[in-house]
Structure formats: structure tokens, C-alpha cells
């Protein structure tokens, strides 16, 4: 079996996600107004990014309390499912919490929910040898919340040209 996912790995995943969101906001701030769709709502998307960063900070406070059973489940999910499948579930789960549709709870409940939902979907199975390497692909560095793909945004960051 692959090396187990650790609390340090989860902290790194969340920290990297937060940093990517903050970088995304700085890159968007640097774009000229003409780069955005006429319906782009800067205030809404700024709040969406800030909500994610705030929730990540909340999760980071409880990472050490994630029990071994959930760490085992995360390791199995990381090595069994395609990273894109997990990315979709993670983003949807964050969206549910940040959008106010559910209580996100602590890191254990959040990642427990993610592992259950990935398994429930049972899609994109593929055997990966390294859990940490797979986890690194769970969240995109560029446009990590996929905001640019929204029909009312449609901006392009310089790095994607």
C-alpha cells in the first residue's frame, strides 16, 4: 500500500488551495475591465473567493483532529480515483458550505463527506501509486475555483493565453 496521507499533507493541500485562490484574486485584479464579460460581478466573485479562504482557515484549525479512519479513507480515495473526480467533489463540497447550503463543520467532517461522496459516485476509478502525488492534482493552481469558466465571467488570465 502507498504511504498514508498525513495531517501535514492535508494542511499543505489546504494551504496551497488558499494561496492559489489569493493569487487568482490578484491576477484578476490586474486584468483590464475589457477582459470581463459585461455581466461579471466583481463583488460577488471577490466574496466567493474570500468565503473559500475563510472556510479553509476554519478547516486548518481542526486538521489535527482528523481521525486515523478518515486518513485511511483519504489515502484510499487518493490512490483509487482519478484526481479530477476528487477535485469536482472537493469544489462542490466547498461550494455547498461557502454558499450557505450546509454546515461545513470541522476538517474531519468535511473530508469524511468528500470521501463518502467520491465513493458514492464510483466514477473515474484508476489506480495511482502515490497518494500525495494524486492529492496535489485535486485542486488547480490556476483559476482554482473555476470562476473564469462561468458563462458570466469568461476572462482569461495571462498565464492561460
N, C-alpha and C. Protein backbone atom coordinates (compact mmCIF):
# COMPACT_ATOMS: atom_id res chain seq x y z
N UNK A 1 0.84 -1.18 0.00
CA UNK A 1 0.00 0.00 0.00
C UNK A 1 0.89 1.25 0.00
N UNK A 2 0.36 2.30 -0.54
CA UNK A 2 1.07 3.56 -0.60
C UNK A 2 1.25 4.15 0.79
N UNK A 3 2.13 5.10 0.89
CA UNK A 3 2.31 5.80 2.16
C UNK A 3 1.02 6.54 2.51
N UNK A 4 0.67 6.49 3.78
CA UNK A 4 -0.56 7.12 4.26
C UNK A 4 -0.52 8.64 4.12
N UNK A 5 -1.68 9.21 3.82
CA UNK A 5 -1.85 10.65 3.86
C UNK A 5 -1.73 11.07 5.32
N UNK A 6 -1.05 12.17 5.56
CA UNK A 6 -0.85 12.66 6.93
C UNK A 6 -1.55 13.99 7.13
N UNK A 7 -1.60 14.39 8.38
CA UNK A 7 -2.16 15.70 8.71
C UNK A 7 -1.35 16.82 8.05
N UNK A 8 -0.05 16.61 7.93
CA UNK A 8 0.81 17.59 7.25
C UNK A 8 0.39 17.71 5.78
N UNK A 9 0.06 16.58 5.15
CA UNK A 9 -0.38 16.60 3.75
C UNK A 9 -1.69 17.38 3.60
N UNK A 10 -2.61 17.19 4.54
CA UNK A 10 -3.90 17.89 4.49
C UNK A 10 -3.68 19.38 4.69
N UNK A 11 -2.81 19.72 5.66
CA UNK A 11 -2.50 21.14 5.89
C UNK A 11 -1.89 21.76 4.64
N UNK A 12 -1.01 21.03 3.98
CA UNK A 12 -0.38 21.54 2.76
C UNK A 12 -1.41 21.70 1.64
N UNK A 13 -2.30 20.73 1.49
CA UNK A 13 -3.36 20.81 0.48
C UNK A 13 -4.20 22.06 0.69
N UNK A 14 -4.65 22.26 1.92
CA UNK A 14 -5.50 23.42 2.22
C UNK A 14 -4.72 24.72 2.07
N UNK A 15 -3.50 24.75 2.54
CA UNK A 15 -2.67 25.96 2.41
C UNK A 15 -2.41 26.32 0.97
N UNK A 16 -2.12 25.32 0.16
CA UNK A 16 -1.88 25.57 -1.27
C UNK A 16 -3.15 26.06 -1.97
N UNK A 17 -4.29 25.50 -1.58
CA UNK A 17 -5.56 25.92 -2.16
C UNK A 17 -5.85 27.37 -1.82
N UNK A 18 -5.64 27.74 -0.56
CA UNK A 18 -5.85 29.12 -0.14
C UNK A 18 -4.92 30.07 -0.89
N UNK A 19 -3.65 29.70 -1.00
CA UNK A 19 -2.68 30.53 -1.71
C UNK A 19 -3.07 30.69 -3.18
N UNK A 20 -3.55 29.62 -3.79
CA UNK A 20 -3.96 29.68 -5.20
C UNK A 20 -5.16 30.61 -5.38
N UNK A 21 -6.09 30.58 -4.44
CA UNK A 21 -7.26 31.46 -4.51
C UNK A 21 -6.83 32.91 -4.37
N UNK A 22 -5.95 33.18 -3.42
CA UNK A 22 -5.48 34.55 -3.22
C UNK A 22 -4.69 35.04 -4.43
N UNK A 23 -3.86 34.19 -5.01
CA UNK A 23 -3.13 34.56 -6.23
C UNK A 23 -4.11 34.83 -7.37
N UNK A 24 -5.11 33.99 -7.49
CA UNK A 24 -6.12 34.17 -8.53
C UNK A 24 -6.77 35.55 -8.41
N UNK A 25 -7.09 35.96 -7.18
CA UNK A 25 -7.71 37.27 -6.98
C UNK A 25 -6.75 38.38 -7.42
N UNK A 26 -5.48 38.26 -7.10
CA UNK A 26 -4.50 39.28 -7.51
C UNK A 26 -4.37 39.32 -9.03
N UNK A 27 -4.38 38.16 -9.67
CA UNK A 27 -4.29 38.14 -11.14
C UNK A 27 -5.52 38.76 -11.78
N UNK A 28 -6.68 38.46 -11.23
CA UNK A 28 -7.93 39.04 -11.74
C UNK A 28 -7.94 40.55 -11.53
N UNK A 29 -7.45 40.99 -10.37
CA UNK A 29 -7.40 42.43 -10.09
C UNK A 29 -6.53 43.18 -11.10
N UNK A 30 -5.56 42.49 -11.66
CA UNK A 30 -4.64 43.12 -12.60
C UNK A 30 -5.19 43.18 -14.03
N UNK A 31 -6.29 42.50 -14.30
CA UNK A 31 -6.87 42.50 -15.65
C UNK A 31 -7.59 43.81 -15.94
N UNK A 32 -7.56 44.25 -17.20
CA UNK A 32 -8.32 45.45 -17.57
C UNK A 32 -9.82 45.13 -17.60
N UNK A 33 -10.64 46.13 -17.40
CA UNK A 33 -12.10 45.95 -17.36
C UNK A 33 -12.62 45.28 -18.63
N UNK A 34 -12.00 45.56 -19.76
CA UNK A 34 -12.48 44.99 -21.02
C UNK A 34 -12.26 43.47 -21.11
N UNK A 35 -11.50 42.91 -20.18
CA UNK A 35 -11.25 41.46 -20.19
C UNK A 35 -12.43 40.66 -19.66
N UNK A 36 -13.42 41.33 -19.05
CA UNK A 36 -14.52 40.65 -18.41
C UNK A 36 -15.81 40.74 -19.22
N UNK A 37 -16.62 39.73 -19.07
CA UNK A 37 -17.96 39.73 -19.65
C UNK A 37 -18.73 40.89 -19.03
N UNK A 38 -19.66 41.45 -19.76
CA UNK A 38 -20.42 42.61 -19.26
C UNK A 38 -21.23 42.28 -18.00
N UNK A 39 -21.54 41.01 -17.76
CA UNK A 39 -22.31 40.61 -16.58
C UNK A 39 -21.42 40.19 -15.40
N UNK A 40 -20.11 40.29 -15.57
CA UNK A 40 -19.20 39.90 -14.49
C UNK A 40 -19.48 40.74 -13.24
N UNK A 41 -19.65 40.07 -12.11
CA UNK A 41 -19.95 40.74 -10.86
C UNK A 41 -18.74 40.62 -9.93
N UNK A 42 -17.89 41.64 -9.96
CA UNK A 42 -16.64 41.60 -9.20
C UNK A 42 -16.89 41.40 -7.71
N UNK A 43 -17.85 42.09 -7.16
CA UNK A 43 -18.13 42.00 -5.73
C UNK A 43 -18.53 40.57 -5.33
N UNK A 44 -19.36 39.94 -6.14
CA UNK A 44 -19.82 38.59 -5.84
C UNK A 44 -18.65 37.60 -5.89
N UNK A 45 -17.83 37.67 -6.94
CA UNK A 45 -16.74 36.71 -7.08
C UNK A 45 -15.64 36.97 -6.07
N UNK A 46 -15.44 38.23 -5.69
CA UNK A 46 -14.47 38.56 -4.64
C UNK A 46 -14.94 37.93 -3.31
N UNK A 47 -16.22 38.04 -3.02
CA UNK A 47 -16.79 37.45 -1.81
C UNK A 47 -16.70 35.92 -1.87
N UNK A 48 -16.90 35.34 -3.03
CA UNK A 48 -16.82 33.89 -3.20
C UNK A 48 -15.41 33.40 -2.87
N UNK A 49 -14.40 34.11 -3.41
CA UNK A 49 -13.01 33.74 -3.10
C UNK A 49 -12.73 33.91 -1.61
N UNK A 50 -13.15 35.04 -1.05
CA UNK A 50 -12.90 35.31 0.37
C UNK A 50 -13.60 34.28 1.25
N UNK A 51 -14.79 33.86 0.88
CA UNK A 51 -15.51 32.83 1.63
C UNK A 51 -14.76 31.51 1.65
N UNK A 52 -14.17 31.16 0.52
CA UNK A 52 -13.39 29.93 0.46
C UNK A 52 -12.15 30.03 1.35
N UNK A 53 -11.45 31.15 1.26
CA UNK A 53 -10.25 31.33 2.08
C UNK A 53 -10.61 31.30 3.56
N UNK A 54 -11.71 31.91 3.93
CA UNK A 54 -12.15 31.92 5.32
C UNK A 54 -12.48 30.51 5.80
N UNK A 55 -13.17 29.74 4.97
CA UNK A 55 -13.51 28.37 5.36
C UNK A 55 -12.25 27.50 5.44
N UNK A 56 -11.31 27.72 4.55
CA UNK A 56 -10.05 26.98 4.62
C UNK A 56 -9.35 27.28 5.94
N UNK A 57 -9.32 28.55 6.33
CA UNK A 57 -8.71 28.91 7.62
C UNK A 57 -9.42 28.19 8.77
N UNK A 58 -10.73 28.10 8.68
CA UNK A 58 -11.52 27.37 9.69
C UNK A 58 -11.11 25.89 9.71
N UNK A 59 -10.99 25.28 8.54
CA UNK A 59 -10.61 23.86 8.47
C UNK A 59 -9.21 23.63 9.02
N UNK A 60 -8.30 24.54 8.74
CA UNK A 60 -6.92 24.38 9.19
C UNK A 60 -6.83 24.27 10.72
N UNK A 61 -7.75 24.89 11.42
CA UNK A 61 -7.74 24.85 12.88
C UNK A 61 -8.01 23.45 13.43
N UNK A 62 -8.65 22.60 12.63
CA UNK A 62 -9.04 21.28 13.13
C UNK A 62 -8.41 20.11 12.37
N UNK A 63 -7.42 20.39 11.55
CA UNK A 63 -6.80 19.30 10.77
C UNK A 63 -6.24 18.20 11.68
N UNK A 64 -5.61 18.58 12.78
CA UNK A 64 -5.00 17.56 13.66
C UNK A 64 -6.02 16.64 14.30
N UNK A 65 -7.29 17.03 14.27
CA UNK A 65 -8.33 16.18 14.88
C UNK A 65 -8.92 15.17 13.89
N UNK A 66 -8.44 15.15 12.66
CA UNK A 66 -8.95 14.16 11.70
C UNK A 66 -8.49 12.78 12.19
N UNK A 67 -9.45 11.88 12.44
CA UNK A 67 -9.09 10.56 12.98
C UNK A 67 -8.42 9.67 11.94
N UNK A 68 -7.68 8.66 12.42
CA UNK A 68 -6.98 7.73 11.51
C UNK A 68 -7.90 7.10 10.46
N UNK A 69 -9.13 6.78 10.81
CA UNK A 69 -10.04 6.14 9.85
C UNK A 69 -10.27 7.03 8.63
N UNK A 70 -10.42 8.33 8.85
CA UNK A 70 -10.63 9.24 7.71
C UNK A 70 -9.33 9.41 6.93
N UNK A 71 -8.19 9.39 7.61
CA UNK A 71 -6.91 9.48 6.90
C UNK A 71 -6.72 8.25 6.01
N UNK A 72 -7.13 7.09 6.49
CA UNK A 72 -7.06 5.87 5.68
C UNK A 72 -7.99 6.01 4.47
N UNK A 73 -9.21 6.50 4.71
CA UNK A 73 -10.16 6.70 3.61
C UNK A 73 -9.61 7.68 2.58
N UNK A 74 -9.01 8.78 3.04
CA UNK A 74 -8.43 9.76 2.11
C UNK A 74 -7.31 9.13 1.29
N UNK A 75 -6.51 8.31 1.92
CA UNK A 75 -5.43 7.63 1.20
C UNK A 75 -6.01 6.71 0.13
N UNK A 76 -7.05 5.95 0.50
CA UNK A 76 -7.67 5.04 -0.46
C UNK A 76 -8.32 5.80 -1.61
N UNK A 77 -9.00 6.90 -1.31
CA UNK A 77 -9.62 7.71 -2.37
C UNK A 77 -8.54 8.28 -3.29
N UNK A 78 -7.46 8.77 -2.69
CA UNK A 78 -6.38 9.36 -3.49
C UNK A 78 -5.74 8.34 -4.43
N UNK A 79 -5.67 7.11 -3.99
CA UNK A 79 -5.00 6.10 -4.82
C UNK A 79 -5.95 5.29 -5.69
N UNK A 80 -7.25 5.51 -5.55
CA UNK A 80 -8.23 4.71 -6.29
C UNK A 80 -9.00 5.51 -7.33
N UNK A 81 -9.16 6.79 -7.12
CA UNK A 81 -9.99 7.60 -8.02
C UNK A 81 -9.16 8.64 -8.75
N UNK A 82 -9.56 8.92 -9.97
CA UNK A 82 -8.88 9.93 -10.77
C UNK A 82 -8.93 11.27 -10.05
N UNK A 83 -7.82 12.01 -10.03
CA UNK A 83 -7.79 13.29 -9.33
C UNK A 83 -8.90 14.26 -9.76
N UNK A 84 -9.28 14.23 -11.02
CA UNK A 84 -10.33 15.14 -11.50
C UNK A 84 -11.67 14.85 -10.82
N UNK A 85 -11.96 13.59 -10.57
CA UNK A 85 -13.19 13.20 -9.88
C UNK A 85 -13.20 13.79 -8.48
N UNK A 86 -12.07 13.63 -7.78
CA UNK A 86 -11.98 14.15 -6.41
C UNK A 86 -12.03 15.68 -6.43
N UNK A 87 -11.35 16.29 -7.38
CA UNK A 87 -11.38 17.76 -7.50
C UNK A 87 -12.82 18.26 -7.61
N UNK A 88 -13.60 17.61 -8.45
CA UNK A 88 -15.01 18.03 -8.62
C UNK A 88 -15.77 17.93 -7.30
N UNK A 89 -15.58 16.85 -6.57
CA UNK A 89 -16.28 16.68 -5.30
C UNK A 89 -15.80 17.72 -4.28
N UNK A 90 -14.50 17.94 -4.21
CA UNK A 90 -13.96 18.93 -3.26
C UNK A 90 -14.52 20.31 -3.56
N UNK A 91 -14.51 20.72 -4.84
CA UNK A 91 -15.02 22.05 -5.20
C UNK A 91 -16.52 22.16 -4.92
N UNK A 92 -17.28 21.12 -5.23
CA UNK A 92 -18.71 21.14 -4.95
C UNK A 92 -18.97 21.21 -3.44
N UNK A 93 -18.18 20.48 -2.67
CA UNK A 93 -18.35 20.48 -1.21
C UNK A 93 -18.02 21.85 -0.63
N UNK A 94 -16.94 22.44 -1.09
CA UNK A 94 -16.62 23.80 -0.65
C UNK A 94 -17.74 24.75 -1.04
N UNK A 95 -18.22 24.63 -2.26
CA UNK A 95 -19.29 25.50 -2.74
C UNK A 95 -20.56 25.40 -1.91
N UNK A 96 -20.89 24.19 -1.48
CA UNK A 96 -22.08 24.00 -0.64
C UNK A 96 -21.93 24.74 0.69
N UNK A 97 -20.74 24.66 1.27
CA UNK A 97 -20.51 25.31 2.56
C UNK A 97 -20.44 26.83 2.38
N UNK A 98 -19.61 27.29 1.45
CA UNK A 98 -19.43 28.73 1.25
C UNK A 98 -20.73 29.38 0.78
N UNK A 99 -21.51 28.65 0.01
CA UNK A 99 -22.79 29.17 -0.47
C UNK A 99 -23.88 29.13 0.58
N UNK A 100 -23.58 28.58 1.76
CA UNK A 100 -24.55 28.56 2.85
C UNK A 100 -25.59 27.45 2.76
N UNK A 101 -25.33 26.44 1.94
CA UNK A 101 -26.30 25.36 1.76
C UNK A 101 -26.16 24.25 2.79
N UNK A 102 -25.01 24.22 3.48
CA UNK A 102 -24.82 23.23 4.54
C UNK A 102 -23.75 23.73 5.50
N UNK A 103 -23.73 23.13 6.68
CA UNK A 103 -22.73 23.45 7.68
C UNK A 103 -21.49 22.62 7.37
N UNK A 104 -20.37 23.27 7.18
CA UNK A 104 -19.16 22.55 6.81
C UNK A 104 -18.51 21.80 7.94
N UNK A 105 -18.79 22.19 9.17
CA UNK A 105 -18.18 21.51 10.30
C UNK A 105 -16.67 21.65 10.31
N UNK A 106 -16.02 20.67 10.91
CA UNK A 106 -14.56 20.72 11.01
C UNK A 106 -13.91 19.92 9.88
N UNK A 107 -12.60 19.84 9.93
CA UNK A 107 -11.86 19.15 8.86
C UNK A 107 -12.25 17.68 8.76
N UNK A 108 -12.47 17.03 9.88
CA UNK A 108 -12.84 15.61 9.85
C UNK A 108 -14.18 15.43 9.15
N UNK A 109 -15.16 16.25 9.48
CA UNK A 109 -16.48 16.10 8.84
C UNK A 109 -16.40 16.47 7.36
N UNK A 110 -15.63 17.50 7.02
CA UNK A 110 -15.52 17.90 5.62
C UNK A 110 -14.87 16.79 4.78
N UNK A 111 -13.73 16.30 5.22
CA UNK A 111 -13.04 15.28 4.43
C UNK A 111 -13.74 13.92 4.50
N UNK A 112 -14.46 13.67 5.56
CA UNK A 112 -15.31 12.48 5.61
C UNK A 112 -16.40 12.55 4.56
N UNK A 113 -17.01 13.73 4.44
CA UNK A 113 -18.03 13.96 3.42
C UNK A 113 -17.44 13.78 2.01
N UNK A 114 -16.26 14.33 1.79
CA UNK A 114 -15.62 14.21 0.48
C UNK A 114 -15.38 12.75 0.13
N UNK A 115 -14.83 11.97 1.06
CA UNK A 115 -14.54 10.57 0.74
C UNK A 115 -15.82 9.78 0.47
N UNK A 116 -16.86 10.03 1.27
CA UNK A 116 -18.14 9.33 1.04
C UNK A 116 -18.74 9.69 -0.32
N UNK A 117 -18.68 10.96 -0.68
CA UNK A 117 -19.27 11.39 -1.95
C UNK A 117 -18.49 10.85 -3.14
N UNK A 118 -17.18 10.83 -3.06
CA UNK A 118 -16.37 10.27 -4.16
C UNK A 118 -16.73 8.80 -4.34
N UNK A 119 -16.81 8.07 -3.25
CA UNK A 119 -17.16 6.65 -3.33
C UNK A 119 -18.57 6.44 -3.86
N UNK A 120 -19.49 7.29 -3.43
CA UNK A 120 -20.88 7.17 -3.88
C UNK A 120 -20.97 7.31 -5.39
N UNK A 121 -20.21 8.23 -5.93
CA UNK A 121 -20.24 8.44 -7.38
C UNK A 121 -19.58 7.29 -8.13
N UNK A 122 -18.59 6.67 -7.49
CA UNK A 122 -17.93 5.50 -8.06
C UNK A 122 -17.54 5.68 -9.52
N UNK A 123 -17.02 6.84 -9.84
CA UNK A 123 -16.62 7.13 -11.23
C UNK A 123 -15.13 7.48 -11.27
N UNK A 124 -14.54 7.31 -12.42
CA UNK A 124 -13.16 7.72 -12.62
C UNK A 124 -12.15 6.90 -11.84
N UNK A 125 -12.47 5.63 -11.67
CA UNK A 125 -11.52 4.78 -10.94
C UNK A 125 -10.24 4.60 -11.74
N UNK A 126 -9.15 4.70 -11.02
CA UNK A 126 -7.86 4.46 -11.63
C UNK A 126 -6.85 4.29 -10.52
N UNK A 127 -6.05 3.33 -10.62
CA UNK A 127 -5.08 3.02 -9.56
C UNK A 127 -3.88 3.95 -9.66
N UNK A 128 -3.62 4.68 -8.59
CA UNK A 128 -2.47 5.56 -8.52
C UNK A 128 -1.55 5.06 -7.41
N UNK A 129 -0.27 5.12 -7.64
CA UNK A 129 0.67 4.58 -6.68
C UNK A 129 0.94 5.52 -5.52
N UNK A 130 0.81 6.81 -5.74
CA UNK A 130 1.23 7.77 -4.74
C UNK A 130 0.07 8.69 -4.33
N UNK A 131 -0.37 8.56 -3.10
CA UNK A 131 -1.50 9.36 -2.60
C UNK A 131 -1.17 10.85 -2.61
N UNK A 132 0.03 11.21 -2.15
CA UNK A 132 0.40 12.63 -2.11
C UNK A 132 0.43 13.24 -3.51
N UNK A 133 0.98 12.50 -4.45
CA UNK A 133 1.02 12.98 -5.83
C UNK A 133 -0.37 13.18 -6.40
N UNK A 134 -1.28 12.26 -6.08
CA UNK A 134 -2.66 12.39 -6.55
C UNK A 134 -3.34 13.58 -5.90
N UNK A 135 -3.11 13.76 -4.59
CA UNK A 135 -3.72 14.89 -3.88
C UNK A 135 -3.27 16.23 -4.45
N UNK A 136 -2.05 16.29 -4.91
CA UNK A 136 -1.54 17.55 -5.49
C UNK A 136 -2.32 17.95 -6.73
N UNK A 137 -3.00 16.98 -7.34
CA UNK A 137 -3.78 17.25 -8.55
C UNK A 137 -5.26 17.49 -8.25
N UNK A 138 -5.65 17.45 -6.97
CA UNK A 138 -7.05 17.63 -6.61
C UNK A 138 -7.54 19.05 -6.85
N UNK A 139 -6.66 20.01 -6.76
CA UNK A 139 -7.07 21.41 -6.89
C UNK A 139 -6.12 22.13 -7.83
N UNK A 140 -6.71 22.86 -8.77
CA UNK A 140 -5.92 23.56 -9.78
C UNK A 140 -5.22 24.77 -9.17
N UNK A 141 -4.03 25.04 -9.64
CA UNK A 141 -3.28 26.21 -9.19
C UNK A 141 -3.84 27.45 -9.87
N UNK A 142 -4.15 27.33 -11.14
CA UNK A 142 -4.69 28.46 -11.90
C UNK A 142 -6.21 28.37 -11.93
N UNK A 143 -6.88 29.47 -11.63
CA UNK A 143 -8.34 29.53 -11.56
C UNK A 143 -8.87 28.37 -10.71
N UNK A 144 -8.42 28.28 -9.45
CA UNK A 144 -8.75 27.12 -8.62
C UNK A 144 -10.24 26.93 -8.34
N UNK A 145 -11.03 27.98 -8.44
CA UNK A 145 -12.47 27.86 -8.21
C UNK A 145 -13.26 27.80 -9.51
N UNK A 146 -12.54 27.76 -10.62
CA UNK A 146 -13.14 27.66 -11.96
C UNK A 146 -14.07 28.84 -12.28
N UNK A 147 -13.79 29.98 -11.71
CA UNK A 147 -14.61 31.16 -11.92
C UNK A 147 -14.54 31.63 -13.38
N UNK A 148 -13.36 31.59 -13.96
CA UNK A 148 -13.20 32.08 -15.34
C UNK A 148 -14.06 31.30 -16.33
N UNK A 149 -14.43 30.08 -15.96
CA UNK A 149 -15.25 29.25 -16.86
C UNK A 149 -16.74 29.55 -16.76
N UNK A 150 -17.12 30.33 -15.75
CA UNK A 150 -18.53 30.69 -15.60
C UNK A 150 -18.96 31.51 -16.81
N UNK A 151 -20.14 31.26 -17.37
CA UNK A 151 -20.60 31.98 -18.56
C UNK A 151 -20.66 33.50 -18.39
N UNK A 152 -20.81 33.97 -17.15
CA UNK A 152 -20.88 35.41 -16.92
C UNK A 152 -19.52 36.01 -16.58
N UNK A 153 -18.46 35.26 -16.72
CA UNK A 153 -17.11 35.77 -16.44
C UNK A 153 -16.29 35.78 -17.72
N UNK A 154 -15.90 34.59 -18.13
CA UNK A 154 -15.20 34.39 -19.40
C UNK A 154 -13.94 35.21 -19.57
N UNK A 155 -13.25 35.53 -18.50
CA UNK A 155 -11.97 36.23 -18.64
C UNK A 155 -10.87 35.20 -18.81
N UNK A 156 -9.76 35.66 -19.29
CA UNK A 156 -8.59 34.80 -19.44
C UNK A 156 -7.43 35.44 -18.72
N UNK A 157 -6.78 34.66 -17.90
CA UNK A 157 -5.59 35.14 -17.22
C UNK A 157 -4.42 35.05 -18.18
N UNK A 158 -3.45 35.90 -17.99
CA UNK A 158 -2.29 35.96 -18.89
C UNK A 158 -1.60 34.59 -19.01
N UNK A 159 -1.57 33.85 -17.93
CA UNK A 159 -0.88 32.55 -17.95
C UNK A 159 -1.60 31.52 -18.81
N UNK A 160 -2.87 31.72 -19.13
CA UNK A 160 -3.61 30.74 -19.91
C UNK A 160 -3.64 31.07 -21.40
N UNK A 161 -3.06 32.16 -21.78
CA UNK A 161 -3.11 32.56 -23.20
C UNK A 161 -2.19 31.77 -24.06
